PDB file of N, CA and C in Angstrom:
ATOM      1  N   MET A   1     199.753 241.260 100.435  1.00  0.00           N
ATOM      2  CA  MET A   1     199.961 240.170 100.039  1.00  0.00           C
ATOM      3  C   MET A   1     201.515 239.963  99.147  1.00  0.00           C
ATOM      4  N   ARG A   2     201.619 240.876  98.823  1.00  0.00           N
ATOM      5  CA  ARG A   2     203.359 240.861  98.404  1.00  0.00           C
ATOM      6  C   ARG A   2     204.300 240.074  99.234  1.00  0.00           C
ATOM      7  N   LYS A   3     204.193 240.855 100.690  1.00  0.00           N
ATOM      8  CA  LYS A   3     205.114 240.065 101.412  1.00  0.00           C
ATOM      9  C   LYS A   3     204.746 238.765 102.019  1.00  0.00           C
ATOM     10  N   LEU A   4     203.510 238.294 101.870  1.00  0.00           N
ATOM     11  CA  LEU A   4     203.076 236.960 102.222  1.00  0.00           C
ATOM     12  C   LEU A   4     203.796 235.978 100.851  1.00  0.00           C
ATOM     13  N   PHE A   5     203.624 236.611  99.470  1.00  0.00           N
ATOM     14  CA  PHE A   5     204.031 235.369  98.520  1.00  0.00           C
ATOM     15  C   PHE A   5     205.639 235.882  98.092  1.00  0.00           C
ATOM     16  N   SER A   6     206.174 237.077  99.181  1.00  0.00           N
ATOM     17  CA  SER A   6     207.911 236.955  98.922  1.00  0.00           C
ATOM     18  C   SER A   6     208.331 236.258  99.940  1.00  0.00           C
ATOM     19  N   CYS A   7     207.283 235.643 101.224  1.00  0.00           N
ATOM     20  CA  CYS A   7     208.068 235.070 102.186  1.00  0.00           C
ATOM     21  C   CYS A   7     208.736 236.095 103.349  1.00  0.00           C
ATOM     22  N   GLN A   8     207.687 237.690 103.587  1.00  0.00           N
ATOM     23  CA  GLN A   8     208.638 238.541 104.101  1.00  0.00           C
ATOM     24  C   GLN A   8     207.271 238.710 105.033  1.00  0.00           C
ATOM     25  N   VAL A   9     206.797 238.451 105.536  1.00  0.00           N
ATOM     26  CA  VAL A   9     205.615 238.566 106.541  1.00  0.00           C
ATOM     27  C   VAL A   9     206.355 238.890 107.971  1.00  0.00           C
ATOM     28  N   SER A  10     205.970 240.277 108.610  1.00  0.00           N
ATOM     29  CA  SER A  10     206.739 240.605 110.194  1.00  0.00           C
ATOM     30  C   SER A  10     206.165 240.008 111.032  1.00  0.00           C
ATOM     31  N   LYS A  11     204.554 239.339 110.620  1.00  0.00           N
ATOM     32  CA  LYS A  11     204.076 238.534 111.627  1.00  0.00           C
ATOM     33  C   LYS A  11     203.300 237.590 111.065  1.00  0.00           C
ATOM     34  N   GLN A  12     202.967 236.111 111.881  1.00  0.00           N
ATOM     35  CA  GLN A  12     202.775 235.192 110.599  1.00  0.00           C
ATOM     36  C   GLN A  12     200.913 235.383 110.965  1.00  0.00           C
ATOM     37  N   LEU A  13     200.619 235.101 109.649  1.00  0.00           N
ATOM     38  CA  LEU A  13     198.951 234.818 109.679  1.00  0.00           C
ATOM     39  C   LEU A  13     198.299 233.885 110.524  1.00  0.00           C
ATOM     40  N   LYS A  14     197.251 233.873 110.699  1.00  0.00           N
ATOM     41  CA  LYS A  14     196.505 232.919 111.274  1.00  0.00           C
ATOM     42  C   LYS A  14     195.399 232.434 110.798  1.00  0.00           C
ATOM     43  N   ALA A  15     195.347 231.259 110.041  1.00  0.00           N
ATOM     44  CA  ALA A  15     194.042 230.761 109.182  1.00  0.00           C
ATOM     45  C   ALA A  15     193.043 230.611 110.090  1.00  0.00           C
ATOM     46  N   ARG A  16     191.874 230.982 109.608  1.00  0.00           N
ATOM     47  CA  ARG A  16     190.379 230.684 109.858  1.00  0.00           C
ATOM     48  C   ARG A  16     190.007 229.452 110.001  1.00  0.00           C
ATOM     49  N   SER A  17     190.215 228.851 108.606  1.00  0.00           N
ATOM     50  CA  SER A  17     189.884 227.476 108.166  1.00  0.00           C
ATOM     51  C   SER A  17     191.307 226.890 107.471  1.00  0.00           C
ATOM     52  N   ASN A  18     191.841 226.026 108.017  1.00  0.00           N
ATOM     53  CA  ASN A  18     193.106 225.581 107.403  1.00  0.00           C
ATOM     54  C   ASN A  18     192.729 224.879 105.712  1.00  0.00           C
ATOM     55  N   ARG A  19     191.656 224.156 105.964  1.00  0.00           N
ATOM     56  CA  ARG A  19     191.138 223.890 104.807  1.00  0.00           C
ATOM     57  C   ARG A  19     190.878 224.760 103.488  1.00  0.00           C
ATOM     58  N   ARG A  20     190.429 225.821 103.899  1.00  0.00           N
ATOM     59  CA  ARG A  20     189.761 227.005 102.892  1.00  0.00           C
ATOM     60  C   ARG A  20     191.237 227.427 102.395  1.00  0.00           C
ATOM     61  N   VAL A  21     192.169 227.803 103.423  1.00  0.00           N
ATOM     62  CA  VAL A  21     193.479 228.573 103.275  1.00  0.00           C
ATOM     63  C   VAL A  21     194.354 227.472 102.047  1.00  0.00           C
ATOM     64  N   ALA A  22     194.430 226.083 102.577  1.00  0.00           N
ATOM     65  CA  ALA A  22     195.246 225.112 101.899  1.00  0.00           C
ATOM     66  C   ALA A  22     194.627 224.984 100.214  1.00  0.00           C
ATOM     67  N   PHE A  23     193.077 225.177 100.479  1.00  0.00           N
ATOM     68  CA  PHE A  23     192.578 224.808  98.777  1.00  0.00           C
ATOM     69  C   PHE A  23     192.646 226.143  97.926  1.00  0.00           C
ATOM     70  N   PHE A  24     192.963 227.059  98.778  1.00  0.00           N
ATOM     71  CA  PHE A  24     193.341 228.627  97.939  1.00  0.00           C
ATOM     72  C   PHE A  24     194.330 228.481  97.337  1.00  0.00           C
ATOM     73  N   PHE A  25     195.415 228.054  98.201  1.00  0.00           N
ATOM     74  CA  PHE A  25     196.834 227.852  97.593  1.00  0.00           C
ATOM     75  C   PHE A  25     197.026 226.830  96.315  1.00  0.00           C
ATOM     76  N   ASP A  26     196.008 225.839  96.822  1.00  0.00           N
ATOM     77  CA  ASP A  26     196.292 224.888  95.503  1.00  0.00           C
ATOM     78  C   ASP A  26     195.249 225.123  94.206  1.00  0.00           C
ATOM     79  N   MET A  27     194.729 225.710  94.454  1.00  0.00           N
ATOM     80  CA  MET A  27     193.994 226.403  93.631  1.00  0.00           C
ATOM     81  C   MET A  27     194.938 227.480  92.648  1.00  0.00           C
ATOM     82  N   LEU A  28     195.591 228.651  93.234  1.00  0.00           N
ATOM     83  CA  LEU A  28     196.461 229.262  92.926  1.00  0.00           C
ATOM     84  C   LEU A  28     197.661 228.491  92.305  1.00  0.00           C
ATOM     85  N   CYS A  29     198.027 227.409  92.630  1.00  0.00           N
ATOM     86  CA  CYS A  29     198.923 226.670  92.177  1.00  0.00           C
ATOM     87  C   CYS A  29     198.429 225.699  91.066  1.00  0.00           C
ATOM     88  N   SER A  30     197.559 225.550  90.788  1.00  0.00           N
ATOM     89  CA  SER A  30     196.673 224.937  89.631  1.00  0.00           C
ATOM     90  C   SER A  30     196.766 225.676  88.381  1.00  0.00           C
ATOM     91  N   LYS A  31     196.574 226.831  88.554  1.00  0.00           N
ATOM     92  CA  LYS A  31     196.658 228.192  87.294  1.00  0.00           C
ATOM     93  C   LYS A  31     197.828 228.395  87.125  1.00  0.00           C
ATOM     94  N   ASN A  32     199.017 227.982  88.073  1.00  0.00           N
ATOM     95  CA  ASN A  32     200.404 228.255  87.706  1.00  0.00           C
ATOM     96  C   ASN A  32     200.690 229.902  87.986  1.00  0.00           C
ATOM     97  N   LEU A  33     200.075 230.059  89.211  1.00  0.00           N
ATOM     98  CA  LEU A  33     200.408 231.546  89.726  1.00  0.00           C
ATOM     99  C   LEU A  33     201.419 231.171  91.067  1.00  0.00           C
ATOM    100  N   ILE A  34     201.709 230.049  91.495  1.00  0.00           N
ATOM    101  CA  ILE A  34     202.810 230.159  92.527  1.00  0.00           C
ATOM    102  C   ILE A  34     203.057 228.722  92.147  1.00  0.00           C
ATOM    103  N   CYS A  35     204.408 228.539  93.133  1.00  0.00           N
ATOM    104  CA  CYS A  35     205.245 226.938  92.691  1.00  0.00           C
ATOM    105  C   CYS A  35     204.515 226.169  92.997  1.00  0.00           C
ATOM    106  N   LYS A  36     204.581 224.556  92.701  1.00  0.00           N
ATOM    107  CA  LYS A  36     204.385 223.477  93.129  1.00  0.00           C
ATOM    108  C   LYS A  36     204.442 223.144  94.452  1.00  0.00           C
ATOM    109  N   GLN A  37     205.866 223.725  94.871  1.00  0.00           N
ATOM    110  CA  GLN A  37     206.211 223.464  96.257  1.00  0.00           C
ATOM    111  C   GLN A  37     205.707 224.549  97.516  1.00  0.00           C
ATOM    112  N   TRP A  38     203.992 224.905  96.810  1.00  0.00           N
ATOM    113  CA  TRP A  38     203.617 225.749  97.980  1.00  0.00           C
ATOM    114  C   TRP A  38     203.543 225.711  99.336  1.00  0.00           C
ATOM    115  N   GLN A  39     203.279 224.153  99.716  1.00  0.00           N
ATOM    116  CA  GLN A  39     203.403 223.668 100.948  1.00  0.00           C
ATOM    117  C   GLN A  39     204.299 223.416 101.583  1.00  0.00           C
ATOM    118  N   SER A  40     205.453 223.375 101.066  1.00  0.00           N
ATOM    119  CA  SER A  40     206.589 223.475 101.452  1.00  0.00           C
ATOM    120  C   SER A  40     207.376 224.778 101.940  1.00  0.00           C
ATOM    121  N   VAL A  41     207.045 225.399 100.901  1.00  0.00           N
ATOM    122  CA  VAL A  41     207.347 226.960 101.273  1.00  0.00           C
ATOM    123  C   VAL A  41     206.771 227.706 102.475  1.00  0.00           C
ATOM    124  N   ILE A  42     205.546 227.686 102.210  1.00  0.00           N
ATOM    125  CA  ILE A  42     204.436 228.137 103.784  1.00  0.00           C
ATOM    126  C   ILE A  42     205.206 227.529 105.154  1.00  0.00           C
ATOM    127  N   ALA A  43     205.553 226.014 105.214  1.00  0.00           N
ATOM    128  CA  ALA A  43     206.022 225.097 106.315  1.00  0.00           C
ATOM    129  C   ALA A  43     207.308 225.839 106.681  1.00  0.00           C
ATOM    130  N   LYS A  44     208.209 225.924 105.616  1.00  0.00           N
ATOM    131  CA  LYS A  44     209.661 226.196 105.515  1.00  0.00           C
ATOM    132  C   LYS A  44     209.548 227.764 106.493  1.00  0.00           C
ATOM    133  N   HIS A  45     208.735 228.805 105.848  1.00  0.00           N
ATOM    134  CA  HIS A  45     208.773 229.786 106.191  1.00  0.00           C
ATOM    135  C   HIS A  45     208.042 230.498 107.225  1.00  0.00           C
ATOM    136  N   LYS A  46     207.203 229.133 107.853  1.00  0.00           N
ATOM    137  CA  LYS A  46     206.400 229.373 108.866  1.00  0.00           C
ATOM    138  C   LYS A  46     205.026 230.498 109.014  1.00  0.00           C
ATOM    139  N   LEU A  47     204.802 230.665 107.810  1.00  0.00           N
ATOM    140  CA  LEU A  47     203.882 231.827 107.313  1.00  0.00           C
ATOM    141  C   LEU A  47     202.474 232.131 107.578  1.00  0.00           C
ATOM    142  N   ILE A  48     201.946 230.539 108.189  1.00  0.00           N
ATOM    143  CA  ILE A  48     200.546 230.829 108.301  1.00  0.00           C
ATOM    144  C   ILE A  48     200.367 229.680 109.575  1.00  0.00           C
ATOM    145  N   LEU A  49     199.753 230.308 110.877  1.00  0.00           N
ATOM    146  CA  LEU A  49     199.712 229.329 112.063  1.00  0.00           C
ATOM    147  C   LEU A  49     198.084 228.575 111.928  1.00  0.00           C
ATOM    148  N   SER A  50     197.873 227.640 112.274  1.00  0.00           N
ATOM    149  CA  SER A  50     196.739 226.735 112.016  1.00  0.00           C
ATOM    150  C   SER A  50     195.804 227.411 113.028  1.00  0.00           C
ATOM    151  N   SER A  51     194.446 227.238 112.337  1.00  0.00           N
ATOM    152  CA  SER A  51     193.238 227.866 112.991  1.00  0.00           C
ATOM    153  C   SER A  51     193.258 227.063 114.254  1.00  0.00           C
ATOM    154  N   SER A  52     193.479 225.912 114.691  1.00  0.00           N
ATOM    155  CA  SER A  52     193.221 225.254 116.021  1.00  0.00           C
ATOM    156  C   SER A  52     194.441 225.031 116.898  1.00  0.00           C
ATOM    157  N   THR A  53     195.549 225.002 116.419  1.00  0.00           N
ATOM    158  CA  THR A  53     196.709 224.757 117.489  1.00  0.00           C
ATOM    159  C   THR A  53     197.503 226.170 117.560  1.00  0.00           C
ATOM    160  N   ASP A  54     197.458 227.346 116.601  1.00  0.00           N
ATOM    161  CA  ASP A  54     198.502 228.315 116.673  1.00  0.00           C
ATOM    162  C   ASP A  54     199.821 227.957 116.549  1.00  0.00           C
ATOM    163  N   LYS A  55     199.714 226.826 116.209  1.00  0.00           N
ATOM    164  CA  LYS A  55     201.280 226.247 115.833  1.00  0.00           C
ATOM    165  C   LYS A  55     201.305 226.273 113.831  1.00  0.00           C
ATOM    166  N   PRO A  56     202.367 226.749 113.425  1.00  0.00           N
ATOM    167  CA  PRO A  56     202.471 226.712 111.997  1.00  0.00           C
ATOM    168  C   PRO A  56     202.411 225.353 111.335  1.00  0.00           C
ATOM    169  N   LEU A  57     201.553 226.024 110.371  1.00  0.00           N
ATOM    170  CA  LEU A  57     200.951 224.652 109.276  1.00  0.00           C
ATOM    171  C   LEU A  57     202.391 223.892 108.755  1.00  0.00           C
ATOM    172  N   THR A  58     202.143 222.549 108.874  1.00  0.00           N
ATOM    173  CA  THR A  58     203.300 222.088 108.361  1.00  0.00           C
ATOM    174  C   THR A  58     202.765 221.194 106.937  1.00  0.00           C
ATOM    175  N   THR A  59     203.827 220.733 106.250  1.00  0.00           N
ATOM    176  CA  THR A  59     203.257 220.568 104.838  1.00  0.00           C
ATOM    177  C   THR A  59     202.349 219.268 105.102  1.00  0.00           C
ATOM    178  N   THR A  60     202.362 218.446 105.997  1.00  0.00           N
ATOM    179  CA  THR A  60     201.370 217.220 106.515  1.00  0.00           C
ATOM    180  C   THR A  60     199.904 217.987 106.427  1.00  0.00           C
ATOM    181  N   LYS A  61     199.758 218.971 107.754  1.00  0.00           N
ATOM    182  CA  LYS A  61     198.745 219.553 107.960  1.00  0.00           C
ATOM    183  C   LYS A  61     198.099 220.073 106.230  1.00  0.00           C
ATOM    184  N   LEU A  62     198.941 220.744 105.628  1.00  0.00           N
ATOM    185  CA  LEU A  62     198.488 221.580 104.137  1.00  0.00           C
ATOM    186  C   LEU A  62     198.040 220.478 103.396  1.00  0.00           C
ATOM    187  N   SER A  63     198.927 219.681 103.242  1.00  0.00           N
ATOM    188  CA  SER A  63     198.297 218.168 102.439  1.00  0.00           C
ATOM    189  C   SER A  63     197.084 217.980 103.127  1.00  0.00           C
ATOM    190  N   SER A  64     196.824 217.434 103.991  1.00  0.00           N
ATOM    191  CA  SER A  64     195.732 216.822 104.657  1.00  0.00           C
ATOM    192  C   SER A  64     194.240 217.832 104.306  1.00  0.00           C
ATOM    193  N   ALA A  65     194.540 219.010 104.577  1.00  0.00           N
ATOM    194  CA  ALA A  65     193.452 220.001 104.506  1.00  0.00           C
ATOM    195  C   ALA A  65     193.255 220.433 103.177  1.00  0.00           C
ATOM    196  N   THR A  66     194.379 219.857 102.270  1.00  0.00           N
ATOM    197  CA  THR A  66     193.700 220.205 100.851  1.00  0.00           C
ATOM    198  C   THR A  66     193.174 219.084 100.345  1.00  0.00           C
ATOM    199  N   SER A  67     193.293 217.491 100.959  1.00  0.00           N
ATOM    200  CA  SER A  67     192.623 216.616 100.381  1.00  0.00           C
ATOM    201  C   SER A  67     191.330 216.692 101.093  1.00  0.00           C
ATOM    202  N   ASP A  68     190.829 217.186 102.266  1.00  0.00           N
ATOM    203  CA  ASP A  68     189.831 217.181 102.874  1.00  0.00           C
ATOM    204  C   ASP A  68     188.812 218.144 102.130  1.00  0.00           C
ATOM    205  N   ALA A  69     189.313 219.263 101.338  1.00  0.00           N
ATOM    206  CA  ALA A  69     188.878 220.315 100.971  1.00  0.00           C
ATOM    207  C   ALA A  69     188.283 219.691  99.512  1.00  0.00           C
ATOM    208  N   LYS A  70     189.167 219.265  98.979  1.00  0.00           N
ATOM    209  CA  LYS A  70     188.918 218.624  97.731  1.00  0.00           C
ATOM    210  C   LYS A  70     187.803 217.614  97.735  1.00  0.00           C
ATOM    211  N   SER A  71     187.295 217.011  98.733  1.00  0.00           N
ATOM    212  CA  SER A  71     186.436 215.899  98.940  1.00  0.00           C
ATOM    213  C   SER A  71     185.123 216.555  99.567  1.00  0.00           C
ATOM    214  N   THR A  72     185.362 217.823  99.859  1.00  0.00           N
ATOM    215  CA  THR A  72     183.904 218.470 100.262  1.00  0.00           C
ATOM    216  C   THR A  72     183.363 219.130  99.179  1.00  0.00           C
ATOM    217  N   ASN A  73     182.045 219.359  98.989  1.00  0.00           N
ATOM    218  CA  ASN A  73     181.175 220.068  98.275  1.00  0.00           C
ATOM    219  C   ASN A  73     180.540 221.338  98.348  1.00  0.00           C
ATOM    220  N   ALA A  74     181.291 222.165  99.648  1.00  0.00           N
ATOM    221  CA  ALA A  74     180.715 223.202 100.353  1.00  0.00           C
ATOM    222  C   ALA A  74     180.910 224.053  99.178  1.00  0.00           C
ATOM    223  N   SER A  75     179.933 224.935  99.259  1.00  0.00           N
ATOM    224  CA  SER A  75     179.825 226.132  98.030  1.00  0.00           C
ATOM    225  C   SER A  75     180.970 227.255  98.013  1.00  0.00           C
ATOM    226  N   ILE A  76     181.573 227.367  99.399  1.00  0.00           N
ATOM    227  CA  ILE A  76     182.695 228.188  99.727  1.00  0.00           C
ATOM    228  C   ILE A  76     183.936 227.895  98.544  1.00  0.00           C
ATOM    229  N   TYR A  77     184.152 226.314  98.350  1.00  0.00           N
ATOM    230  CA  TYR A  77     184.837 226.210  97.318  1.00  0.00           C
ATOM    231  C   TYR A  77     184.809 226.310  96.081  1.00  0.00           C
ATOM    232  N   GLU A  78     183.591 226.317  95.585  1.00  0.00           N
ATOM    233  CA  GLU A  78     183.426 227.053  94.245  1.00  0.00           C
ATOM    234  C   GLU A  78     183.559 228.487  94.171  1.00  0.00           C
ATOM    235  N   ALA A  79     182.898 228.982  95.575  1.00  0.00           N
ATOM    236  CA  ALA A  79     183.455 230.699  95.522  1.00  0.00           C
ATOM    237  C   ALA A  79     185.470 230.747  95.223  1.00  0.00           C
ATOM    238  N   ILE A  80     185.751 230.007  96.350  1.00  0.00           N
ATOM    239  CA  ILE A  80     186.972 230.206  95.773  1.00  0.00           C
ATOM    240  C   ILE A  80     187.738 230.151  94.599  1.00  0.00           C
ATOM    241  N   ARG A  81     187.378 228.889  94.068  1.00  0.00           N
ATOM    242  CA  ARG A  81     187.820 228.469  92.349  1.00  0.00           C
ATOM    243  C   ARG A  81     187.473 229.852  91.603  1.00  0.00           C
ATOM    244  N   LYS A  82     186.512 230.222  91.958  1.00  0.00           N
ATOM    245  CA  LYS A  82     185.796 231.337  91.060  1.00  0.00           C
ATOM    246  C   LYS A  82     186.656 232.659  91.142  1.00  0.00           C
ATOM    247  N   LYS A  83     187.006 232.983  92.092  1.00  0.00           N
ATOM    248  CA  LYS A  83     188.208 233.915  92.441  1.00  0.00           C
ATOM    249  C   LYS A  83     189.195 233.848  92.180  1.00  0.00           C
ATOM    250  N   VAL A  84     189.741 232.702  92.167  1.00  0.00           N
ATOM    251  CA  VAL A  84     190.934 232.446  91.643  1.00  0.00           C
ATOM    252  C   VAL A  84     191.138 232.461  90.121  1.00  0.00           C
ATOM    253  N   GLN A  85     190.086 231.788  89.449  1.00  0.00           N
ATOM    254  CA  GLN A  85     189.938 231.824  88.053  1.00  0.00           C
ATOM    255  C   GLN A  85     190.045 233.950  87.806  1.00  0.00           C
ATOM    256  N   GLU A  86     189.385 234.427  88.475  1.00  0.00           N
ATOM    257  CA  GLU A  86     189.393 236.083  88.170  1.00  0.00           C
ATOM    258  C   GLU A  86     190.583 236.365  88.350  1.00  0.00           C
ATOM    259  N   ILE A  87     191.646 236.007  89.247  1.00  0.00           N
ATOM    260  CA  ILE A  87     192.905 236.214  89.665  1.00  0.00           C
ATOM    261  C   ILE A  87     193.717 236.218  88.173  1.00  0.00           C
ATOM    262  N   ALA A  88     193.588 234.463  87.802  1.00  0.00           N
ATOM    263  CA  ALA A  88     194.380 234.140  86.714  1.00  0.00           C
ATOM    264  C   ALA A  88     193.873 234.861  85.172  1.00  0.00           C
ATOM    265  N   ASP A  89     193.044 235.394  85.186  1.00  0.00           N
ATOM    266  CA  ASP A  89     192.525 236.159  84.006  1.00  0.00           C
ATOM    267  C   ASP A  89     193.273 237.665  84.183  1.00  0.00           C
ATOM    268  N   CYS A  90     193.139 238.112  85.298  1.00  0.00           N
ATOM    269  CA  CYS A  90     193.648 239.373  85.207  1.00  0.00           C
ATOM    270  C   CYS A  90     195.317 239.281  84.930  1.00  0.00           C
ATOM    271  N   GLY A  91     195.913 238.132  85.243  1.00  0.00           N
ATOM    272  CA  GLY A  91     197.283 238.118  85.219  1.00  0.00           C
ATOM    273  C   GLY A  91     197.334 238.147  83.680  1.00  0.00           C
ATOM    274  N   LYS A  92     196.668 237.570  82.800  1.00  0.00           N
ATOM    275  CA  LYS A  92     196.435 237.700  81.348  1.00  0.00           C
ATOM    276  C   LYS A  92     196.704 238.498  80.834  1.00  0.00           C
ATOM    277  N   ASN A  93     195.955 239.582  81.293  1.00  0.00           N
ATOM    278  CA  ASN A  93     195.600 240.857  80.705  1.00  0.00           C
ATOM    279  C   ASN A  93     196.055 241.803  81.284  1.00  0.00           C
ATOM    280  N   ASP A  94     197.086 241.769  82.305  1.00  0.00           N
ATOM    281  CA  ASP A  94     197.954 242.973  82.950  1.00  0.00           C
ATOM    282  C   ASP A  94     199.143 242.505  82.996  1.00  0.00           C
ATOM    283  N   SER A  95     199.844 242.684  82.184  1.00  0.00           N
ATOM    284  CA  SER A  95     201.230 242.097  82.115  1.00  0.00           C
ATOM    285  C   SER A  95     202.310 243.073  83.196  1.00  0.00           C
ATOM    286  N   LYS A  96     201.640 244.202  83.909  1.00  0.00           N
ATOM    287  CA  LYS A  96     202.450 245.053  84.402  1.00  0.00           C
ATOM    288  C   LYS A  96     202.774 244.472  86.159  1.00  0.00           C
ATOM    289  N   ASP A  97     201.812 243.630  86.390  1.00  0.00           N
ATOM    290  CA  ASP A  97     201.713 243.206  87.763  1.00  0.00           C
ATOM    291  C   ASP A  97     201.858 242.123  87.966  1.00  0.00           C
ATOM    292  N   THR A  98     202.289 240.843  88.545  1.00  0.00           N
ATOM    293  CA  THR A  98     202.227 239.606  88.004  1.00  0.00           C
ATOM    294  C   THR A  98     202.598 238.688  89.759  1.00  0.00           C
ATOM    295  N   ILE A  99     201.740 237.864  89.849  1.00  0.00           N
ATOM    296  CA  ILE A  99     202.426 237.104  91.273  1.00  0.00           C
ATOM    297  C   ILE A  99     203.532 236.209  90.721  1.00  0.00           C
TER     298      ILE A  99
END
């Protein structure tokens, strides 16, 4: 995870679901755990491959996936919200290691 968040992955990660990946990063951003330009960072460094095309996700694809995810009421998105909140709470309680 450290390598991903510092843009130093040796091999690109492949999304199983572009929507879930985009939603996860958007939730991290909403909790101020990553920068607001996360879509540009992922696209610029070609960190994550699309689930359908095996090509690096672009800012456009990430933006669309985020919007689609936010308009869906699937339970997985609530689970992602809760886990990101747990991550944010851990960051408040543990000043030794933050993202």
